[in-house]
Amino acid sequence: MTAEQHVDGNPKADPKVSTLAYFGTELRIRREEAGLSQTTLGRRTFCTHSYVSRIESGSRVPSEEFAQRCDDALCTGGLFARLWPVVIEHAYPDWFRPFVDLEKDATEVWNFQNQVAPGLLQTEEYARALFSAARLLNAEDLVAARMTRQQILERDDRARMWVVLDENVLRRVVGGRAVMARQLHALVEAAEDPRTVVQVIPYEVGAHASMDGPFVGLTMSEGADVVYIDGRARGHVSAAPQQVADYRYAYDLLRADALPPKASIELIAARAKELS
């Protein structure tokens, strides 16, 4: 990404480069023209001052509902509702967008990761370290998109989530010791929700059923279940029944090799303590 600019003291991505930053800049301009504070706009759009601030600074992808409520609150004639699809189009790679849409309607997410924490459970600073390491030009947009994606876990009707991690995830220090320790604490906190299960496959297991890489499966309330298979340059989504069944079987084998949930959390907490 190009060098950050500053608008009213807030770090901003260049609106000429980032559609996310353009949305935030337009929101700030229209809000100030209407004589509203961020707190007042937050009340009128049923969100927090912090949420408005982060969207204006380009560090959060706005929800579609928020865009529509901003149009109502600021009398902008549908401006932000029209901008929202453009923001979303550029926030995620085009090949990943179908999976994000399906993820919102899943009743169960089953995720295996062999190198990094799952995207839905990553802290912002951990995600930023990952994207920065890849030297991606749109790293900040991707971080914001990932954080926004996590909102599906805040819903009352959220999906159940089962996560299996190779011990590599705990051992590779991403972003420095402090960032990594906070990420591990976030995994422990996530597992406190009864709808989230986290397990770790320890090194002593040796080879396991998915040495070739990570994947994420979605169980859908309606329609075919799907699996997302990650890749170096890009991943792909499959709803082919046999392929989904093969990955589901592999996932069952991974869970069988993993430590029980309680022992897994104890291992994660102990590793976080080492780093702290």
Protein backbone atom coordinates (compact mmCIF):
# COMPACT_ATOMS: atom_id res chain seq x y z
CA MET A 1 0.00 0.00 0.00
CA THR A 2 1.17 3.55 -0.62
CA ALA A 3 2.44 5.66 2.25
CA GLU A 4 -0.29 6.59 4.68
CA GLN A 5 -1.74 10.06 4.67
CA HIS A 6 -3.23 11.88 7.66
CA VAL A 7 -6.64 13.51 7.65
CA ASP A 8 -7.65 15.36 10.81
CA GLY A 9 -4.96 13.51 12.72
CA ASN A 10 -6.15 10.04 11.68
CA PRO A 11 -3.98 7.74 9.54
CA LYS A 12 -5.68 7.37 6.18
CA ALA A 13 -4.98 5.27 3.13
CA ASP A 14 -4.95 7.26 -0.09
CA PRO A 15 -8.58 7.50 -1.37
CA LYS A 16 -7.22 7.39 -4.94
CA VAL A 17 -5.87 3.90 -4.21
CA SER A 18 -8.21 2.46 -1.59
CA THR A 19 -11.99 2.29 -2.01
CA LEU A 20 -12.21 1.64 1.72
CA ALA A 21 -10.42 4.92 2.44
CA TYR A 22 -12.65 6.71 -0.08
CA PHE A 23 -15.77 5.47 1.72
CA GLY A 24 -14.35 6.66 5.05
CA THR A 25 -13.39 10.07 3.68
CA GLU A 26 -16.83 10.60 2.12
CA LEU A 27 -18.47 9.58 5.38
CA ARG A 28 -16.40 12.07 7.38
CA ILE A 29 -17.14 14.89 4.92
CA ARG A 30 -20.90 14.22 4.85
CA ARG A 31 -21.05 13.81 8.63
CA GLU A 32 -19.26 17.12 9.21
CA GLU A 33 -21.46 18.87 6.64
CA ALA A 34 -24.48 17.63 8.61
CA GLY A 35 -22.96 18.98 11.82
CA LEU A 36 -22.88 15.58 13.54
CA SER A 37 -20.23 14.15 15.81
CA GLN A 38 -19.08 10.56 15.44
CA THR A 39 -20.96 9.74 18.64
CA THR A 40 -24.21 11.21 17.33
CA LEU A 41 -23.90 9.40 14.00
CA GLY A 42 -23.18 6.23 15.92
CA ARG A 43 -26.41 6.59 17.88
CA ARG A 44 -28.40 7.22 14.72
CA THR A 45 -26.91 4.18 12.98
CA PHE A 46 -27.12 1.89 16.05
CA CYS A 47 -23.37 1.43 16.45
CA THR A 48 -20.57 2.76 18.62
CA HIS A 49 -18.47 5.90 18.27
CA SER A 50 -15.46 3.62 17.85
CA TYR A 51 -17.05 1.81 14.90
CA VAL A 52 -17.73 5.11 13.09
CA SER A 53 -14.19 6.28 13.83
CA ARG A 54 -12.62 3.13 12.44
CA ILE A 55 -14.67 3.27 9.26
CA GLU A 56 -13.74 6.91 8.72
CA SER A 57 -10.06 6.04 9.22
CA GLY A 58 -10.30 3.19 6.71
CA SER A 59 -9.56 0.46 9.25
CA ARG A 60 -12.93 -1.28 9.09
CA VAL A 61 -15.07 -2.46 6.20
CA PRO A 62 -18.59 -1.06 6.73
CA SER A 63 -21.52 -3.44 6.84
CA GLU A 64 -24.27 -3.04 4.26
CA GLU A 65 -26.72 -2.15 7.04
CA PHE A 66 -24.40 0.60 8.27
CA ALA A 67 -24.12 2.07 4.76
CA GLN A 68 -27.91 2.16 4.43
CA ARG A 69 -28.36 3.73 7.88
CA CYS A 70 -25.79 6.41 7.04
CA ASP A 71 -27.82 7.33 3.97
CA ASP A 72 -30.90 7.70 6.20
CA ALA A 73 -29.10 9.62 8.92
CA LEU A 74 -27.23 11.96 6.57
CA CYS A 75 -29.91 12.24 3.84
CA THR A 76 -27.39 11.28 1.15
CA GLY A 77 -29.87 9.73 -1.27
CA GLY A 78 -28.41 6.26 -1.32
CA LEU A 79 -24.77 7.34 -1.82
CA PHE A 80 -23.28 4.98 0.74
CA ALA A 81 -25.50 2.08 -0.28
CA ARG A 82 -24.15 2.51 -3.83
CA LEU A 83 -20.55 2.75 -2.62
CA TRP A 84 -20.79 -0.33 -0.41
CA PRO A 85 -20.68 -3.01 -3.17
CA VAL A 86 -17.60 -1.29 -4.63
CA VAL A 87 -15.88 -1.35 -1.24
CA ILE A 88 -16.66 -5.04 -0.79
CA GLU A 89 -15.58 -5.86 -4.33
CA HIS A 90 -12.11 -4.50 -3.65
CA ALA A 91 -11.77 -5.62 -0.02
CA TYR A 92 -11.64 -9.36 -0.82
CA PRO A 93 -10.00 -11.18 -3.72
CA ASP A 94 -12.70 -12.00 -6.27
CA TRP A 95 -12.14 -15.76 -5.89
CA PHE A 96 -12.63 -15.54 -2.10
CA ARG A 97 -15.80 -13.44 -2.10
CA PRO A 98 -18.22 -16.37 -2.72
CA PHE A 99 -16.85 -18.11 0.37
CA VAL A 100 -17.35 -15.00 2.52
CA ASP A 101 -20.98 -14.83 1.38
CA LEU A 102 -21.56 -18.51 2.18
CA GLU A 103 -19.79 -18.22 5.54
CA LYS A 104 -22.45 -15.76 6.74
CA ASP A 105 -25.17 -18.40 6.33
CA ALA A 106 -23.28 -21.43 7.65
CA THR A 107 -24.54 -23.30 10.71
CA GLU A 108 -21.13 -24.85 11.36
CA VAL A 109 -17.57 -23.89 10.44
CA TRP A 110 -14.89 -26.59 10.62
CA ASN A 111 -11.42 -25.21 10.17
CA PHE A 112 -7.96 -26.80 10.00
CA GLN A 113 -4.84 -24.64 10.02
CA ASN A 114 -1.28 -25.86 9.95
CA GLN A 115 0.66 -22.55 9.99
CA VAL A 116 -1.45 -19.61 11.20
CA ALA A 117 -4.42 -18.87 13.43
CA PRO A 118 -7.81 -19.04 11.66
CA GLY A 119 -8.86 -15.77 10.05
CA LEU A 120 -12.07 -15.60 12.07
CA LEU A 121 -10.06 -15.71 15.31
CA GLN A 122 -7.08 -13.53 14.40
CA THR A 123 -6.30 -10.34 16.29
CA GLU A 124 -5.87 -7.21 14.21
CA GLU A 125 -2.15 -6.88 14.88
CA TYR A 126 -1.54 -10.56 14.09
CA ALA A 127 -3.43 -10.23 10.79
CA ARG A 128 -1.48 -7.09 9.96
CA ALA A 129 1.81 -8.89 10.58
CA LEU A 130 0.77 -11.70 8.23
CA PHE A 131 -0.27 -9.42 5.38
CA SER A 132 2.75 -7.16 5.89
CA ALA A 133 5.08 -10.14 5.64
CA ALA A 134 3.62 -10.89 2.21
CA ARG A 135 4.31 -7.25 1.21
CA LEU A 136 0.82 -6.84 -0.22
CA LEU A 137 -0.06 -3.40 -1.59
CA ASN A 138 -3.60 -3.58 -0.16
CA ALA A 139 -2.57 -4.98 3.23
CA GLU A 140 -4.62 -2.49 5.26
CA ASP A 141 -7.77 -3.17 3.22
CA LEU A 142 -7.27 -6.90 3.78
CA VAL A 143 -6.80 -6.43 7.52
CA ALA A 144 -9.97 -4.34 7.71
CA ALA A 145 -11.89 -6.91 5.68
CA ARG A 146 -10.72 -9.72 7.93
CA MET A 147 -11.74 -7.87 11.09
CA THR A 148 -15.14 -7.10 9.60
CA ARG A 149 -15.60 -10.74 8.59
CA GLN A 150 -15.32 -11.69 12.24
CA GLN A 151 -18.61 -9.94 12.99
CA ILE A 152 -20.46 -13.16 12.11
CA LEU A 153 -19.24 -14.55 15.46
CA GLU A 154 -20.95 -11.70 17.32
CA ARG A 155 -24.47 -12.63 16.16
CA ASP A 156 -26.89 -14.38 18.49
CA ASP A 157 -27.51 -17.00 15.80
CA ARG A 158 -23.84 -17.44 14.97
CA ALA A 159 -22.47 -20.70 13.61
CA ARG A 160 -20.79 -23.29 15.75
CA MET A 161 -17.06 -23.31 15.08
CA TRP A 162 -14.62 -26.19 15.40
CA VAL A 163 -10.93 -25.38 14.99
CA VAL A 164 -8.06 -27.86 14.74
CA LEU A 165 -4.54 -26.43 14.78
CA ASP A 166 -1.20 -28.02 14.08
CA GLU A 167 1.20 -27.18 16.92
CA ASN A 168 3.12 -25.15 14.32
CA VAL A 169 0.51 -22.41 14.80
CA LEU A 170 1.53 -22.02 18.43
CA ARG A 171 5.27 -22.17 17.83
CA ARG A 172 5.77 -19.80 14.89
CA VAL A 173 6.06 -16.29 16.35
CA VAL A 174 4.14 -13.88 14.12
CA GLY A 175 4.60 -10.15 14.68
CA GLY A 176 6.90 -10.55 17.67
CA ARG A 177 6.50 -12.20 21.07
CA ALA A 178 3.94 -9.71 22.45
CA VAL A 179 1.70 -9.88 19.36
CA MET A 180 1.89 -13.65 19.35
CA ALA A 181 1.10 -13.91 23.05
CA ARG A 182 -2.00 -11.76 22.58
CA GLN A 183 -3.08 -13.92 19.65
CA LEU A 184 -2.79 -17.06 21.74
CA HIS A 185 -4.78 -15.43 24.55
CA ALA A 186 -7.43 -14.58 21.94
CA LEU A 187 -7.68 -18.26 21.00
CA VAL A 188 -8.13 -19.17 24.66
CA GLU A 189 -10.84 -16.52 25.05
CA ALA A 190 -12.60 -17.69 21.88
CA ALA A 191 -12.81 -21.20 23.30
CA GLU A 192 -14.66 -19.89 26.34
CA ASP A 193 -17.74 -19.58 24.14
CA PRO A 194 -19.49 -22.98 24.20
CA ARG A 195 -20.10 -22.66 20.45
CA THR A 196 -16.35 -22.66 19.71
CA VAL A 197 -14.08 -25.68 20.13
CA VAL A 198 -10.31 -25.44 19.70
CA GLN A 199 -8.00 -28.45 19.51
CA VAL A 200 -4.27 -28.78 18.88
CA ILE A 201 -2.43 -31.64 17.15
CA PRO A 202 0.85 -31.94 19.07
CA TYR A 203 4.16 -32.58 17.34
CA GLU A 204 4.45 -36.04 18.83
CA VAL A 205 1.57 -37.23 16.66
CA GLY A 206 3.86 -37.02 13.64
CA ALA A 207 2.14 -37.18 10.26
CA HIS A 208 -1.57 -36.39 10.17
CA ALA A 209 -4.40 -36.42 7.66
CA SER A 210 -3.78 -32.98 6.14
CA MET A 211 -0.05 -32.53 5.82
CA ASP A 212 -0.71 -30.91 2.43
CA GLY A 213 -2.33 -27.80 3.87
CA PRO A 214 -5.24 -25.97 5.52
CA PHE A 215 -8.91 -26.01 4.61
CA VAL A 216 -12.24 -24.74 5.91
CA GLY A 217 -15.59 -26.49 5.63
CA LEU A 218 -19.04 -24.95 5.94
CA THR A 219 -22.18 -26.83 6.93
CA MET A 220 -25.15 -24.99 5.45
CA SER A 221 -28.73 -24.90 6.70
CA GLU A 222 -29.89 -24.80 3.09
CA GLY A 223 -28.04 -25.96 0.01
CA ALA A 224 -24.90 -28.02 -0.37
CA ASP A 225 -22.09 -27.95 2.16
CA VAL A 226 -18.85 -26.48 0.82
CA VAL A 227 -15.13 -26.65 1.48
CA TYR A 228 -12.53 -23.96 0.89
CA ILE A 229 -9.08 -25.30 0.05
CA ASP A 230 -6.29 -22.81 0.61
CA GLY A 231 -3.41 -22.27 -1.80
CA ARG A 232 -0.27 -20.21 -2.21
CA ALA A 233 -1.55 -17.77 -4.82
CA ARG A 234 -5.27 -18.37 -4.40
CA GLY A 235 -7.71 -20.84 -2.89
CA HIS A 236 -10.85 -22.34 -4.32
CA VAL A 237 -14.32 -23.24 -3.10
CA SER A 238 -15.89 -26.60 -3.89
CA ALA A 239 -19.41 -27.89 -3.36
CA ALA A 240 -18.70 -31.21 -5.10
CA PRO A 241 -20.26 -33.80 -2.74
CA GLN A 242 -17.39 -36.29 -2.97
CA GLN A 243 -14.71 -33.66 -2.37
CA VAL A 244 -16.61 -32.21 0.61
CA ALA A 245 -17.04 -35.75 2.00
CA ASP A 246 -13.32 -36.45 1.57
CA TYR A 247 -12.36 -33.32 3.50
CA ARG A 248 -14.94 -34.04 6.18
CA TYR A 249 -13.42 -37.49 6.68
CA ALA A 250 -9.94 -35.96 6.85
CA TYR A 251 -11.25 -33.52 9.44
CA ASP A 252 -12.60 -36.35 11.57
CA LEU A 253 -9.15 -37.95 11.47
CA LEU A 254 -7.52 -34.66 12.48
CA ARG A 255 -9.86 -34.30 15.46
CA ALA A 256 -9.06 -37.85 16.50
CA ASP A 257 -5.32 -37.07 16.48
CA ALA A 258 -5.72 -33.78 18.36
CA LEU A 259 -5.53 -33.26 22.10
CA PRO A 260 -8.92 -32.98 23.87
CA PRO A 261 -10.25 -29.41 24.03
CA LYS A 262 -9.29 -28.83 27.67
CA ALA A 263 -5.74 -30.10 27.19
CA SER A 264 -5.45 -28.07 23.98
CA ILE A 265 -6.39 -24.84 25.74
CA GLU A 266 -3.93 -25.60 28.51
CA LEU A 267 -1.19 -26.05 25.89
CA ILE A 268 -2.10 -22.77 24.17
CA ALA A 269 -2.18 -20.90 27.49
CA ALA A 270 1.18 -22.34 28.50
CA ARG A 271 2.72 -21.23 25.21
CA ALA A 272 1.25 -17.74 25.66
CA LYS A 273 2.81 -17.59 29.12
CA GLU A 274 6.22 -18.53 27.66
CA LEU A 275 5.98 -15.66 25.21
CA SER A 276 4.81 -13.20 27.84
